[in-house]
C-alpha atoms as a PDB file:
ATOM      1  CA  UNK A   1       0.000   0.000   0.000  1.00  0.00           C
ATOM      2  CA  UNK A   2       1.116   3.549  -0.745  1.00  0.00           C
ATOM      3  CA  UNK A   3       0.162   5.083   2.583  1.00  0.00           C
ATOM      4  CA  UNK A   4      -2.315   7.446   0.943  1.00  0.00           C
ATOM      5  CA  UNK A   5      -5.873   7.415   2.194  1.00  0.00           C
ATOM      6  CA  UNK A   6      -7.864   5.305  -0.267  1.00  0.00           C
ATOM      7  CA  UNK A   7     -10.995   6.714  -1.855  1.00  0.00           C
ATOM      8  CA  UNK A   8     -14.111   5.026  -0.483  1.00  0.00           C
ATOM      9  CA  UNK A   9     -17.164   3.901  -2.465  1.00  0.00           C
ATOM     10  CA  UNK A  10     -20.163   1.749  -1.742  1.00  0.00           C
ATOM     11  CA  UNK A  11     -19.687  -0.114  -5.024  1.00  0.00           C
ATOM     12  CA  UNK A  12     -16.752  -0.448  -7.386  1.00  0.00           C
ATOM     13  CA  UNK A  13     -17.011  -2.068 -10.813  1.00  0.00           C
ATOM     14  CA  UNK A  14     -13.783  -3.136 -12.490  1.00  0.00           C
ATOM     15  CA  UNK A  15     -14.282  -3.160 -16.247  1.00  0.00           C
ATOM     16  CA  UNK A  16     -16.171  -0.773 -18.521  1.00  0.00           C
ATOM     17  CA  UNK A  17     -17.584  -3.083 -21.179  1.00  0.00           C
ATOM     18  CA  UNK A  18     -21.288  -3.871 -21.611  1.00  0.00           C
ATOM     19  CA  UNK A  19     -21.431  -5.822 -18.328  1.00  0.00           C
ATOM     20  CA  UNK A  20     -19.655  -3.089 -16.366  1.00  0.00           C
ATOM     21  CA  UNK A  21     -21.641  -0.217 -17.853  1.00  0.00           C
ATOM     22  CA  UNK A  22     -24.919  -2.042 -17.220  1.00  0.00           C
ATOM     23  CA  UNK A  23     -23.916  -2.813 -13.640  1.00  0.00           C
ATOM     24  CA  UNK A  24     -22.948   0.832 -13.209  1.00  0.00           C
ATOM     25  CA  UNK A  25     -26.293   1.995 -14.563  1.00  0.00           C
ATOM     26  CA  UNK A  26     -28.239  -0.253 -12.182  1.00  0.00           C
ATOM     27  CA  UNK A  27     -26.070   0.563  -9.156  1.00  0.00           C
ATOM     28  CA  UNK A  28     -26.272   4.335  -9.621  1.00  0.00           C
ATOM     29  CA  UNK A  29     -30.023   4.213 -10.237  1.00  0.00           C
ATOM     30  CA  UNK A  30     -30.228   2.451  -6.868  1.00  0.00           C
ATOM     31  CA  UNK A  31     -28.412   5.494  -5.441  1.00  0.00           C
ATOM     32  CA  UNK A  32     -25.174   3.751  -4.521  1.00  0.00           C
ATOM     33  CA  UNK A  33     -21.957   5.767  -4.656  1.00  0.00           C
ATOM     34  CA  UNK A  34     -20.405   3.839  -7.555  1.00  0.00           C
ATOM     35  CA  UNK A  35     -17.131   3.902  -9.475  1.00  0.00           C
ATOM     36  CA  UNK A  36     -16.226   2.121 -12.722  1.00  0.00           C
ATOM     37  CA  UNK A  37     -12.521   1.473 -13.337  1.00  0.00           C
ATOM     38  CA  UNK A  38     -11.510   0.712 -16.926  1.00  0.00           C
ATOM     39  CA  UNK A  39      -7.886   0.454 -17.948  1.00  0.00           C
ATOM     40  CA  UNK A  40      -8.141   0.151 -21.708  1.00  0.00           C
ATOM     41  CA  UNK A  41     -11.221   1.131 -23.675  1.00  0.00           C
ATOM     42  CA  UNK A  42     -14.708   1.899 -22.384  1.00  0.00           C
ATOM     43  CA  UNK A  43     -17.084  -0.437 -24.145  1.00  0.00           C
ATOM     44  CA  UNK A  44     -14.478  -3.205 -24.208  1.00  0.00           C
ATOM     45  CA  UNK A  45     -14.163  -5.381 -27.292  1.00  0.00           C
ATOM     46  CA  UNK A  46     -17.634  -4.210 -28.324  1.00  0.00           C
ATOM     47  CA  UNK A  47     -16.104  -0.942 -29.539  1.00  0.00           C
ATOM     48  CA  UNK A  48     -13.931  -2.751 -32.099  1.00  0.00           C
ATOM     49  CA  UNK A  49     -16.906  -4.504 -33.716  1.00  0.00           C
ATOM     50  CA  UNK A  50     -17.890  -3.001 -37.047  1.00  0.00           C
ATOM     51  CA  UNK A  51     -21.540  -4.102 -37.076  1.00  0.00           C
ATOM     52  CA  UNK A  52     -23.580  -5.745 -34.313  1.00  0.00           C
ATOM     53  CA  UNK A  53     -26.570  -7.531 -35.836  1.00  0.00           C
ATOM     54  CA  UNK A  54     -27.841  -9.604 -32.911  1.00  0.00           C
ATOM     55  CA  UNK A  55     -28.427  -7.008 -30.187  1.00  0.00           C
ATOM     56  CA  UNK A  56     -32.205  -6.624 -29.663  1.00  0.00           C
ATOM     57  CA  UNK A  57     -33.776  -3.309 -30.562  1.00  0.00           C
ATOM     58  CA  UNK A  58     -31.577  -2.503 -33.560  1.00  0.00           C
ATOM     59  CA  UNK A  59     -33.065  -4.331 -36.568  1.00  0.00           C
ATOM     60  CA  UNK A  60     -30.668  -2.591 -38.968  1.00  0.00           C
ATOM     61  CA  UNK A  61     -27.700  -3.308 -36.726  1.00  0.00           C
ATOM     62  CA  UNK A  62     -25.488  -0.848 -34.885  1.00  0.00           C
ATOM     63  CA  UNK A  63     -21.738  -0.306 -34.697  1.00  0.00           C
ATOM     64  CA  UNK A  64     -19.961  -1.325 -31.519  1.00  0.00           C
ATOM     65  CA  UNK A  65     -18.676   2.203 -31.007  1.00  0.00           C
ATOM     66  CA  UNK A  66     -22.205   3.637 -31.231  1.00  0.00           C
ATOM     67  CA  UNK A  67     -23.694   1.092 -28.824  1.00  0.00           C
ATOM     68  CA  UNK A  68     -20.859   1.628 -26.373  1.00  0.00           C
ATOM     69  CA  UNK A  69     -21.332   5.397 -26.493  1.00  0.00           C
ATOM     70  CA  UNK A  70     -25.073   5.072 -25.847  1.00  0.00           C
ATOM     71  CA  UNK A  71     -24.500   2.744 -22.875  1.00  0.00           C
ATOM     72  CA  UNK A  72     -21.911   5.082 -21.363  1.00  0.00           C
ATOM     73  CA  UNK A  73     -24.138   8.134 -21.881  1.00  0.00           C
ATOM     74  CA  UNK A  74     -27.062   6.400 -20.170  1.00  0.00           C
ATOM     75  CA  UNK A  75     -24.948   5.330 -17.185  1.00  0.00           C
ATOM     76  CA  UNK A  76     -23.474   8.821 -16.814  1.00  0.00           C
ATOM     77  CA  UNK A  77     -26.979  10.280 -16.740  1.00  0.00           C
ATOM     78  CA  UNK A  78     -27.468   8.837 -13.258  1.00  0.00           C
ATOM     79  CA  UNK A  79     -24.162  10.045 -11.832  1.00  0.00           C
ATOM     80  CA  UNK A  80     -21.847   7.106 -12.445  1.00  0.00           C
ATOM     81  CA  UNK A  81     -18.198   7.977 -11.787  1.00  0.00           C
ATOM     82  CA  UNK A  82     -15.706   6.627 -14.298  1.00  0.00           C
ATOM     83  CA  UNK A  83     -11.920   6.560 -14.085  1.00  0.00           C
ATOM     84  CA  UNK A  84      -9.461   5.493 -16.763  1.00  0.00           C
ATOM     85  CA  UNK A  85      -6.984   3.297 -14.901  1.00  0.00           C
ATOM     86  CA  UNK A  86      -6.105  -0.384 -14.564  1.00  0.00           C
ATOM     87  CA  UNK A  87      -6.772  -2.532 -11.501  1.00  0.00           C
ATOM     88  CA  UNK A  88      -3.663  -4.492 -10.580  1.00  0.00           C
ATOM     89  CA  UNK A  89      -4.547  -5.996  -7.191  1.00  0.00           C
ATOM     90  CA  UNK A  90      -7.558  -6.790  -5.011  1.00  0.00           C
ATOM     91  CA  UNK A  91      -7.511  -7.791  -1.330  1.00  0.00           C
ATOM     92  CA  UNK A  92     -10.131  -8.418   1.314  1.00  0.00           C
ATOM     93  CA  UNK A  93      -9.997  -6.176   4.397  1.00  0.00           C
ATOM     94  CA  UNK A  94     -12.647  -7.576   6.674  1.00  0.00           C
ATOM     95  CA  UNK A  95     -15.923  -6.895   4.904  1.00  0.00           C
ATOM     96  CA  UNK A  96     -14.347  -4.189   2.751  1.00  0.00           C
ATOM     97  CA  UNK A  97     -12.524  -4.757  -0.523  1.00  0.00           C
ATOM     98  CA  UNK A  98      -9.255  -2.968  -1.267  1.00  0.00           C
ATOM     99  CA  UNK A  99      -8.499  -2.218  -4.920  1.00  0.00           C
ATOM    100  CA  UNK A 100      -5.136  -0.962  -6.108  1.00  0.00           C
ATOM    101  CA  UNK A 101      -4.685   0.554  -9.554  1.00  0.00           C
ATOM    102  CA  UNK A 102      -1.602   2.004 -11.223  1.00  0.00           C
ATOM    103  CA  UNK A 103      -2.573   5.464  -9.994  1.00  0.00           C
ATOM    104  CA  UNK A 104      -4.690   5.090  -6.846  1.00  0.00           C
ATOM    105  CA  UNK A 105      -6.148   2.936  -4.090  1.00  0.00           C
ATOM    106  CA  UNK A 106      -9.814   2.411  -3.306  1.00  0.00           C
ATOM    107  CA  UNK A 107     -12.011   0.799  -0.675  1.00  0.00           C
ATOM    108  CA  UNK A 108     -15.542  -0.410  -1.274  1.00  0.00           C
ATOM    109  CA  UNK A 109     -18.280  -2.436   0.385  1.00  0.00           C
ATOM    110  CA  UNK A 110     -19.220  -4.364  -2.741  1.00  0.00           C
ATOM    111  CA  UNK A 111     -17.136  -5.195  -5.821  1.00  0.00           C
ATOM    112  CA  UNK A 112     -18.175  -6.372  -9.297  1.00  0.00           C
ATOM    113  CA  UNK A 113     -15.560  -7.802 -11.677  1.00  0.00           C
ATOM    114  CA  UNK A 114     -16.394  -7.195 -15.353  1.00  0.00           C
ATOM    115  CA  UNK A 115     -12.963  -7.247 -16.959  1.00  0.00           C
ATOM    116  CA  UNK A 116     -13.906  -9.428 -19.927  1.00  0.00           C
ATOM    117  CA  UNK A 117     -11.331 -11.124 -22.105  1.00  0.00           C
ATOM    118  CA  UNK A 118      -8.460 -10.327 -24.419  1.00  0.00           C
ATOM    119  CA  UNK A 119      -7.319 -11.969 -27.626  1.00  0.00           C
ATOM    120  CA  UNK A 120      -5.154 -15.054 -27.299  1.00  0.00           C
ATOM    121  CA  UNK A 121      -1.702 -14.780 -28.838  1.00  0.00           C
ATOM    122  CA  UNK A 122      -0.127 -17.400 -31.093  1.00  0.00           C
ATOM    123  CA  UNK A 123       3.155 -17.287 -29.190  1.00  0.00           C
ATOM    124  CA  UNK A 124       5.261 -17.715 -32.319  1.00  0.00           C
ATOM    125  CA  UNK A 125       8.480 -15.900 -33.303  1.00  0.00           C
ATOM    126  CA  UNK A 126       7.780 -12.529 -34.870  1.00  0.00           C
ATOM    127  CA  UNK A 127       4.316 -12.065 -33.382  1.00  0.00           C
ATOM    128  CA  UNK A 128       5.399  -9.654 -30.656  1.00  0.00           C
ATOM    129  CA  UNK A 129       8.079  -7.975 -32.771  1.00  0.00           C
ATOM    130  CA  UNK A 130       5.670  -7.141 -35.609  1.00  0.00           C
ATOM    131  CA  UNK A 131       2.593  -6.201 -33.577  1.00  0.00           C
ATOM    132  CA  UNK A 132       1.651  -2.797 -34.950  1.00  0.00           C
ATOM    133  CA  UNK A 133       3.878  -3.434 -37.953  1.00  0.00           C
ATOM    134  CA  UNK A 134       1.600  -5.805 -39.822  1.00  0.00           C
ATOM    135  CA  UNK A 135       0.410  -8.037 -36.979  1.00  0.00           C
ATOM    136  CA  UNK A 136      -2.994  -7.008 -35.641  1.00  0.00           C
ATOM    137  CA  UNK A 137      -5.759  -8.272 -33.361  1.00  0.00           C
ATOM    138  CA  UNK A 138      -8.352  -5.672 -34.433  1.00  0.00           C
ATOM    139  CA  UNK A 139      -9.724  -5.275 -37.954  1.00  0.00           C
ATOM    140  CA  UNK A 140     -11.661  -2.062 -37.292  1.00  0.00           C
ATOM    141  CA  UNK A 141      -8.548  -0.491 -35.769  1.00  0.00           C
ATOM    142  CA  UNK A 142      -6.092  -1.460 -38.509  1.00  0.00           C
ATOM    143  CA  UNK A 143      -8.073  -2.586 -41.552  1.00  0.00           C
ATOM    144  CA  UNK A 144      -7.889   0.777 -43.370  1.00  0.00           C
ATOM    145  CA  UNK A 145      -4.066   0.565 -43.347  1.00  0.00           C
ATOM    146  CA  UNK A 146      -4.225  -2.480 -45.634  1.00  0.00           C
ATOM    147  CA  UNK A 147      -6.006  -0.879 -48.579  1.00  0.00           C
ATOM    148  CA  UNK A 148      -5.496  -3.069 -51.688  1.00  0.00           C
ATOM    149  CA  UNK A 149      -3.073  -5.336 -49.808  1.00  0.00           C
ATOM    150  CA  UNK A 150      -2.790  -9.099 -49.467  1.00  0.00           C
ATOM    151  CA  UNK A 151      -3.262 -10.394 -45.913  1.00  0.00           C
ATOM    152  CA  UNK A 152      -3.883 -13.523 -43.846  1.00  0.00           C
ATOM    153  CA  UNK A 153      -6.382 -14.091 -41.061  1.00  0.00           C
ATOM    154  CA  UNK A 154      -5.543 -16.824 -38.542  1.00  0.00           C
ATOM    155  CA  UNK A 155      -8.472 -18.675 -36.960  1.00  0.00           C
ATOM    156  CA  UNK A 156     -11.744 -20.380 -37.826  1.00  0.00           C
ATOM    157  CA  UNK A 157     -14.331 -19.196 -35.297  1.00  0.00           C
ATOM    158  CA  UNK A 158     -16.883 -16.390 -35.303  1.00  0.00           C
ATOM    159  CA  UNK A 159     -14.316 -13.693 -34.546  1.00  0.00           C
ATOM    160  CA  UNK A 160     -12.008 -14.782 -37.359  1.00  0.00           C
ATOM    161  CA  UNK A 161     -14.775 -14.829 -39.953  1.00  0.00           C
ATOM    162  CA  UNK A 162     -16.548 -11.619 -38.930  1.00  0.00           C
ATOM    163  CA  UNK A 163     -13.231  -9.794 -38.874  1.00  0.00           C
ATOM    164  CA  UNK A 164     -12.233 -11.318 -42.227  1.00  0.00           C
ATOM    165  CA  UNK A 165     -15.507 -10.239 -43.815  1.00  0.00           C
ATOM    166  CA  UNK A 166     -14.968  -6.699 -42.573  1.00  0.00           C
ATOM    167  CA  UNK A 167     -11.406  -6.674 -43.924  1.00  0.00           C
ATOM    168  CA  UNK A 168     -12.638  -7.486 -47.446  1.00  0.00           C
ATOM    169  CA  UNK A 169     -13.758  -3.844 -47.593  1.00  0.00           C
ATOM    170  CA  UNK A 170     -10.111  -2.858 -47.858  1.00  0.00           C
ATOM    171  CA  UNK A 171      -7.880  -5.681 -49.089  1.00  0.00           C
ATOM    172  CA  UNK A 172      -7.495  -7.222 -52.535  1.00  0.00           C
ATOM    173  CA  UNK A 173      -6.967 -10.735 -51.243  1.00  0.00           C
ATOM    174  CA  UNK A 174      -7.397 -12.477 -47.904  1.00  0.00           C
ATOM    175  CA  UNK A 175      -6.441 -16.025 -46.907  1.00  0.00           C
ATOM    176  CA  UNK A 176      -7.898 -17.645 -43.808  1.00  0.00           C
ATOM    177  CA  UNK A 177      -5.413 -20.025 -42.183  1.00  0.00           C
ATOM    178  CA  UNK A 178      -7.139 -22.685 -40.089  1.00  0.00           C
ATOM    179  CA  UNK A 179      -5.677 -25.694 -38.298  1.00  0.00           C
ATOM    180  CA  UNK A 180      -8.643 -27.913 -39.208  1.00  0.00           C
ATOM    181  CA  UNK A 181     -10.404 -28.807 -42.458  1.00  0.00           C
ATOM    182  CA  UNK A 182     -13.728 -27.284 -41.393  1.00  0.00           C
ATOM    183  CA  UNK A 183     -14.721 -23.983 -39.819  1.00  0.00           C
ATOM    184  CA  UNK A 184     -16.179 -23.633 -36.306  1.00  0.00           C
ATOM    185  CA  UNK A 185     -17.995 -20.375 -36.929  1.00  0.00           C
ATOM    186  CA  UNK A 186     -21.751 -19.779 -37.069  1.00  0.00           C
ATOM    187  CA  UNK A 187     -23.237 -20.988 -40.361  1.00  0.00           C
ATOM    188  CA  UNK A 188     -24.251 -17.544 -41.593  1.00  0.00           C
ATOM    189  CA  UNK A 189     -20.652 -16.330 -41.270  1.00  0.00           C
ATOM    190  CA  UNK A 190     -19.385 -19.459 -43.020  1.00  0.00           C
ATOM    191  CA  UNK A 191     -21.776 -18.866 -45.907  1.00  0.00           C
ATOM    192  CA  UNK A 192     -20.689 -15.257 -46.289  1.00  0.00           C
ATOM    193  CA  UNK A 193     -16.991 -16.108 -46.129  1.00  0.00           C
ATOM    194  CA  UNK A 194     -17.172 -19.026 -48.526  1.00  0.00           C
ATOM    195  CA  UNK A 195     -19.008 -16.956 -51.129  1.00  0.00           C
ATOM    196  CA  UNK A 196     -16.742 -13.917 -50.890  1.00  0.00           C
ATOM    197  CA  UNK A 197     -14.590 -13.561 -54.032  1.00  0.00           C
ATOM    198  CA  UNK A 198     -11.770 -12.066 -51.959  1.00  0.00           C
ATOM    199  CA  UNK A 199     -11.473 -14.866 -49.379  1.00  0.00           C
ATOM    200  CA  UNK A 200      -9.395 -18.019 -49.821  1.00  0.00           C
ATOM    201  CA  UNK A 201      -8.667 -20.802 -47.323  1.00  0.00           C
ATOM    202  CA  UNK A 202      -5.536 -22.621 -46.225  1.00  0.00           C
ATOM    203  CA  UNK A 203      -6.779 -25.711 -44.382  1.00  0.00           C
ATOM    204  CA  UNK A 204      -5.020 -27.982 -41.872  1.00  0.00           C
ATOM    205  CA  UNK A 205      -2.371 -25.331 -41.346  1.00  0.00           C
ATOM    206  CA  UNK A 206      -0.764 -23.393 -38.510  1.00  0.00           C
ATOM    207  CA  UNK A 207       1.494 -20.345 -38.483  1.00  0.00           C
ATOM    208  CA  UNK A 208       4.942 -21.201 -37.125  1.00  0.00           C
ATOM    209  CA  UNK A 209       6.664 -17.853 -37.600  1.00  0.00           C
ATOM    210  CA  UNK A 210       5.948 -14.320 -38.758  1.00  0.00           C
ATOM    211  CA  UNK A 211       8.742 -12.795 -40.829  1.00  0.00           C
ATOM    212  CA  UNK A 212       9.578  -9.375 -42.169  1.00  0.00           C
ATOM    213  CA  UNK A 213      11.991  -6.500 -42.395  1.00  0.00           C
ATOM    214  CA  UNK A 214      10.552  -3.258 -41.051  1.00  0.00           C
ATOM    215  CA  UNK A 215       7.028  -4.688 -41.513  1.00  0.00           C
ATOM    216  CA  UNK A 216       5.496  -8.138 -42.051  1.00  0.00           C
ATOM    217  CA  UNK A 217       6.491  -9.734 -45.350  1.00  0.00           C
ATOM    218  CA  UNK A 218       5.549 -13.408 -44.926  1.00  0.00           C
ATOM    219  CA  UNK A 219       4.430 -16.173 -42.582  1.00  0.00           C
ATOM    220  CA  UNK A 220       5.884 -19.667 -42.264  1.00  0.00           C
ATOM    221  CA  UNK A 221       2.948 -22.088 -42.438  1.00  0.00           C
ATOM    222  CA  UNK A 222       3.054 -25.763 -41.464  1.00  0.00           C
ATOM    223  CA  UNK A 223       0.604 -28.364 -42.760  1.00  0.00           C
ATOM    224  CA  UNK A 224      -0.417 -30.322 -39.645  1.00  0.00           C
ATOM    225  CA  UNK A 225      -1.088 -33.499 -41.664  1.00  0.00           C
ATOM    226  CA  UNK A 226       2.016 -33.656 -43.848  1.00  0.00           C
ATOM    227  CA  UNK A 227       4.442 -31.655 -41.713  1.00  0.00           C
ATOM    228  CA  UNK A 228       5.455 -29.615 -44.755  1.00  0.00           C
ATOM    229  CA  UNK A 229       6.429 -25.990 -44.049  1.00  0.00           C
ATOM    230  CA  UNK A 230       5.967 -23.294 -46.688  1.00  0.00           C
ATOM    231  CA  UNK A 231       6.549 -19.565 -46.710  1.00  0.00           C
ATOM    232  CA  UNK A 232       3.437 -17.575 -47.542  1.00  0.00           C
ATOM    233  CA  UNK A 233       3.895 -13.974 -48.679  1.00  0.00           C
ATOM    234  CA  UNK A 234       1.589 -11.449 -47.005  1.00  0.00           C
ATOM    235  CA  UNK A 235       1.393  -7.782 -46.105  1.00  0.00           C
ATOM    236  CA  UNK A 236      -0.258  -8.434 -42.760  1.00  0.00           C
ATOM    237  CA  UNK A 237      -1.444 -11.064 -40.289  1.00  0.00           C
ATOM    238  CA  UNK A 238      -4.682 -10.626 -38.333  1.00  0.00           C
ATOM    239  CA  UNK A 239      -4.874 -13.119 -35.461  1.00  0.00           C
ATOM    240  CA  UNK A 240      -8.164 -14.384 -33.998  1.00  0.00           C
ATOM    241  CA  UNK A 241      -7.479 -17.724 -32.295  1.00  0.00           C
ATOM    242  CA  UNK A 242      -9.575 -17.406 -29.187  1.00  0.00           C
ATOM    243  CA  UNK A 243      -9.736 -15.401 -26.006  1.00  0.00           C
ATOM    244  CA  UNK A 244      -8.375 -15.524 -22.451  1.00  0.00           C
ATOM    245  CA  UNK A 245      -9.967 -13.926 -19.360  1.00  0.00           C
ATOM    246  CA  UNK A 246      -8.438 -10.783 -17.856  1.00  0.00           C
ATOM    247  CA  UNK A 247      -8.499 -12.032 -14.272  1.00  0.00           C
ATOM    248  CA  UNK A 248      -4.861 -12.325 -13.223  1.00  0.00           C
ATOM    249  CA  UNK A 249      -5.170  -9.384 -10.800  1.00  0.00           C
ATOM    250  CA  UNK A 250      -7.770 -11.196  -8.670  1.00  0.00           C
ATOM    251  CA  UNK A 251      -6.181 -14.643  -8.698  1.00  0.00           C
ATOM    252  CA  UNK A 252      -6.349 -16.292  -5.252  1.00  0.00           C
ATOM    253  CA  UNK A 253      -9.161 -14.004  -4.093  1.00  0.00           C
ATOM    254  CA  UNK A 254     -12.047 -15.744  -5.865  1.00  0.00           C
ATOM    255  CA  UNK A 255     -12.467 -19.243  -7.259  1.00  0.00           C
ATOM    256  CA  UNK A 256     -11.598 -19.720 -10.942  1.00  0.00           C
ATOM    257  CA  UNK A 257     -11.618 -22.630 -13.356  1.00  0.00           C
ATOM    258  CA  UNK A 258      -8.486 -24.048 -14.972  1.00  0.00           C
ATOM    259  CA  UNK A 259      -8.627 -21.469 -17.771  1.00  0.00           C
ATOM    260  CA  UNK A 260      -8.856 -18.505 -15.382  1.00  0.00           C
ATOM    261  CA  UNK A 261     -12.562 -17.759 -15.756  1.00  0.00           C
ATOM    262  CA  UNK A 262     -14.291 -16.682 -12.527  1.00  0.00           C
ATOM    263  CA  UNK A 263     -16.771 -19.216 -11.147  1.00  0.00           C
ATOM    264  CA  UNK A 264     -20.122 -17.692 -10.117  1.00  0.00           C
ATOM    265  CA  UNK A 265     -23.573 -18.916  -9.164  1.00  0.00           C
ATOM    266  CA  UNK A 266     -26.803 -17.861 -10.896  1.00  0.00           C
ATOM    267  CA  UNK A 267     -26.768 -14.597  -8.940  1.00  0.00           C
ATOM    268  CA  UNK A 268     -23.275 -13.673 -10.182  1.00  0.00           C
ATOM    269  CA  UNK A 269     -21.851 -14.254  -6.675  1.00  0.00           C
ATOM    270  CA  UNK A 270     -18.248 -15.447  -6.465  1.00  0.00           C
ATOM    271  CA  UNK A 271     -16.653 -17.538  -3.733  1.00  0.00           C
ATOM    272  CA  UNK A 272     -15.780 -14.333  -1.834  1.00  0.00           C
ATOM    273  CA  UNK A 273     -18.626 -12.646   0.024  1.00  0.00           C
ATOM    274  CA  UNK A 274     -19.386  -9.220  -1.414  1.00  0.00           C
ATOM    275  CA  UNK A 275     -17.520  -9.826  -4.665  1.00  0.00           C
ATOM    276  CA  UNK A 276     -19.559 -10.449  -7.802  1.00  0.00           C
ATOM    277  CA  UNK A 277     -18.539 -11.109 -11.405  1.00  0.00           C
ATOM    278  CA  UNK A 278     -20.327 -10.526 -14.695  1.00  0.00           C
ATOM    279  CA  UNK A 279     -19.781 -10.846 -18.408  1.00  0.00           C
ATOM    280  CA  UNK A 280     -17.101 -12.576 -20.430  1.00  0.00           C
ATOM    281  CA  UNK A 281     -14.623 -13.013 -17.556  1.00  0.00           C
ATOM    282  CA  UNK A 282     -16.935 -15.581 -15.938  1.00  0.00           C
ATOM    283  CA  UNK A 283     -17.311 -19.293 -16.626  1.00  0.00           C
ATOM    284  CA  UNK A 284     -20.361 -19.514 -18.896  1.00  0.00           C
ATOM    285  CA  UNK A 285     -21.780 -21.068 -22.052  1.00  0.00           C
ATOM    286  CA  UNK A 286     -22.281 -17.991 -24.214  1.00  0.00           C
ATOM    287  CA  UNK A 287     -20.188 -14.817 -24.355  1.00  0.00           C
ATOM    288  CA  UNK A 288     -22.177 -12.129 -26.151  1.00  0.00           C
ATOM    289  CA  UNK A 289     -23.136  -8.512 -25.514  1.00  0.00           C
ATOM    290  CA  UNK A 290     -26.656  -9.630 -24.661  1.00  0.00           C
ATOM    291  CA  UNK A 291     -25.491 -12.082 -21.995  1.00  0.00           C
ATOM    292  CA  UNK A 292     -22.987  -9.563 -20.605  1.00  0.00           C
ATOM    293  CA  UNK A 293     -25.739  -6.982 -20.183  1.00  0.00           C
ATOM    294  CA  UNK A 294     -27.924  -9.527 -18.385  1.00  0.00           C
ATOM    295  CA  UNK A 295     -25.051 -10.504 -16.105  1.00  0.00           C
ATOM    296  CA  UNK A 296     -24.321  -6.857 -15.307  1.00  0.00           C
ATOM    297  CA  UNK A 297     -27.914  -6.233 -14.250  1.00  0.00           C
ATOM    298  CA  UNK A 298     -28.005  -9.401 -12.138  1.00  0.00           C
ATOM    299  CA  UNK A 299     -24.686  -8.633 -10.445  1.00  0.00           C
ATOM    300  CA  UNK A 300     -25.770  -5.090  -9.565  1.00  0.00           C
ATOM    301  CA  UNK A 301     -29.080  -6.298  -8.140  1.00  0.00           C
ATOM    302  CA  UNK A 302     -27.289  -9.000  -6.117  1.00  0.00           C
ATOM    303  CA  UNK A 303     -24.843  -6.376  -4.850  1.00  0.00           C
ATOM    304  CA  UNK A 304     -27.773  -4.174  -3.825  1.00  0.00           C
ATOM    305  CA  UNK A 305     -29.302  -7.002  -1.789  1.00  0.00           C
ATOM    306  CA  UNK A 306     -25.914  -7.740  -0.210  1.00  0.00           C
ATOM    307  CA  UNK A 307     -25.410  -4.118   0.865  1.00  0.00           C
ATOM    308  CA  UNK A 308     -28.958  -3.835   2.228  1.00  0.00           C
ATOM    309  CA  UNK A 309     -28.547  -7.030   4.297  1.00  0.00           C
ATOM    310  CA  UNK A 310     -25.430  -5.578   5.912  1.00  0.00           C
ATOM    311  CA  UNK A 311     -27.240  -2.494   7.167  1.00  0.00           C
END
C-alpha cells in the first residue's frame, strides 16, 4: 500500500464493457456511490466490432462504437463515476474490498468484476516484434491501413470470420489459415466467407513464424497433416485464435476454473462474500453482448441485496 488514504465507495465495478456499464447503470439508479474502473477502452471489445446484428432493438444493426457510447451516456446520466486506470490488485480487508490501480487505491463495500477477455496470442516468433507493424488483433482499428493489400487471417471461429468479412472492404486478397479442415464459426458467417470472391482458405495449417523487415512480409505455415512448411507472402497477419480472461489481478481471491474464468452462481456471486462477477470473464456457455448486459444487471441487483442485508 502507498500510505495514501484510499478513496471510499459503496460499489466499485472493475471493467467498462457492456457488463460493467450495465452494472454501473443499475447501481447508480439504486443510489449507490459507484465507481467504474476501466484500464483500456470503455465499451471493451464491443467498440472494435464493425456491425452488431444480434443485439435486440436494432433491426438494422449498430456499430460497436455507437452502442458503447449510448451505454456510457445512459450510465453517466445517473451520476456514475468513471476513471481510466487499470486494476492491478484486489484484497479483502474484513468486509471491505481494497483495490489498487496504477494510480490510486480504493475501498468499497461491494465489488463487481467485469474485466472481460483479451485476444489469445499465437506465441510464435515474430508475433510480438511485428505487432503494430503488420500483426494485428483488431480489424476495425487497422483494416484501413491495408487498402489493396494481401493479408492472412488466422483462426476459424466467429471472430475470425466476422473480422475477415470486414477486412474485405479494404484488401485485394485475404487467406484464412485454419488448423482444421472445417470452420467452427456460425453458419451464416461461413456462408458469407465461402461466397466472398476475396477470401481463400488454407486448411489444416498453422502459423509457425511471422517474418519481415521493417514490416510483415511473410508467414511460415506448417501443414499439420504432412508436416510440410511453406513460406506464404503477405502484407499483414490478423490473429483471432480465441480469447483468455483478464483475471490475473484477482487470482487467489475468488475461485476460478483451470482457464482462469471466474466461477459464479446464478446470482453472479463469487466464492468471496461481497464480490460479484459478470460478463465474459466468468465461466459460462455464451459470451455475447446480450449475456454480458444480463449478467451486469443481475450482479448489480445481487450487490444491492448484499449491501442492504449488511445495514
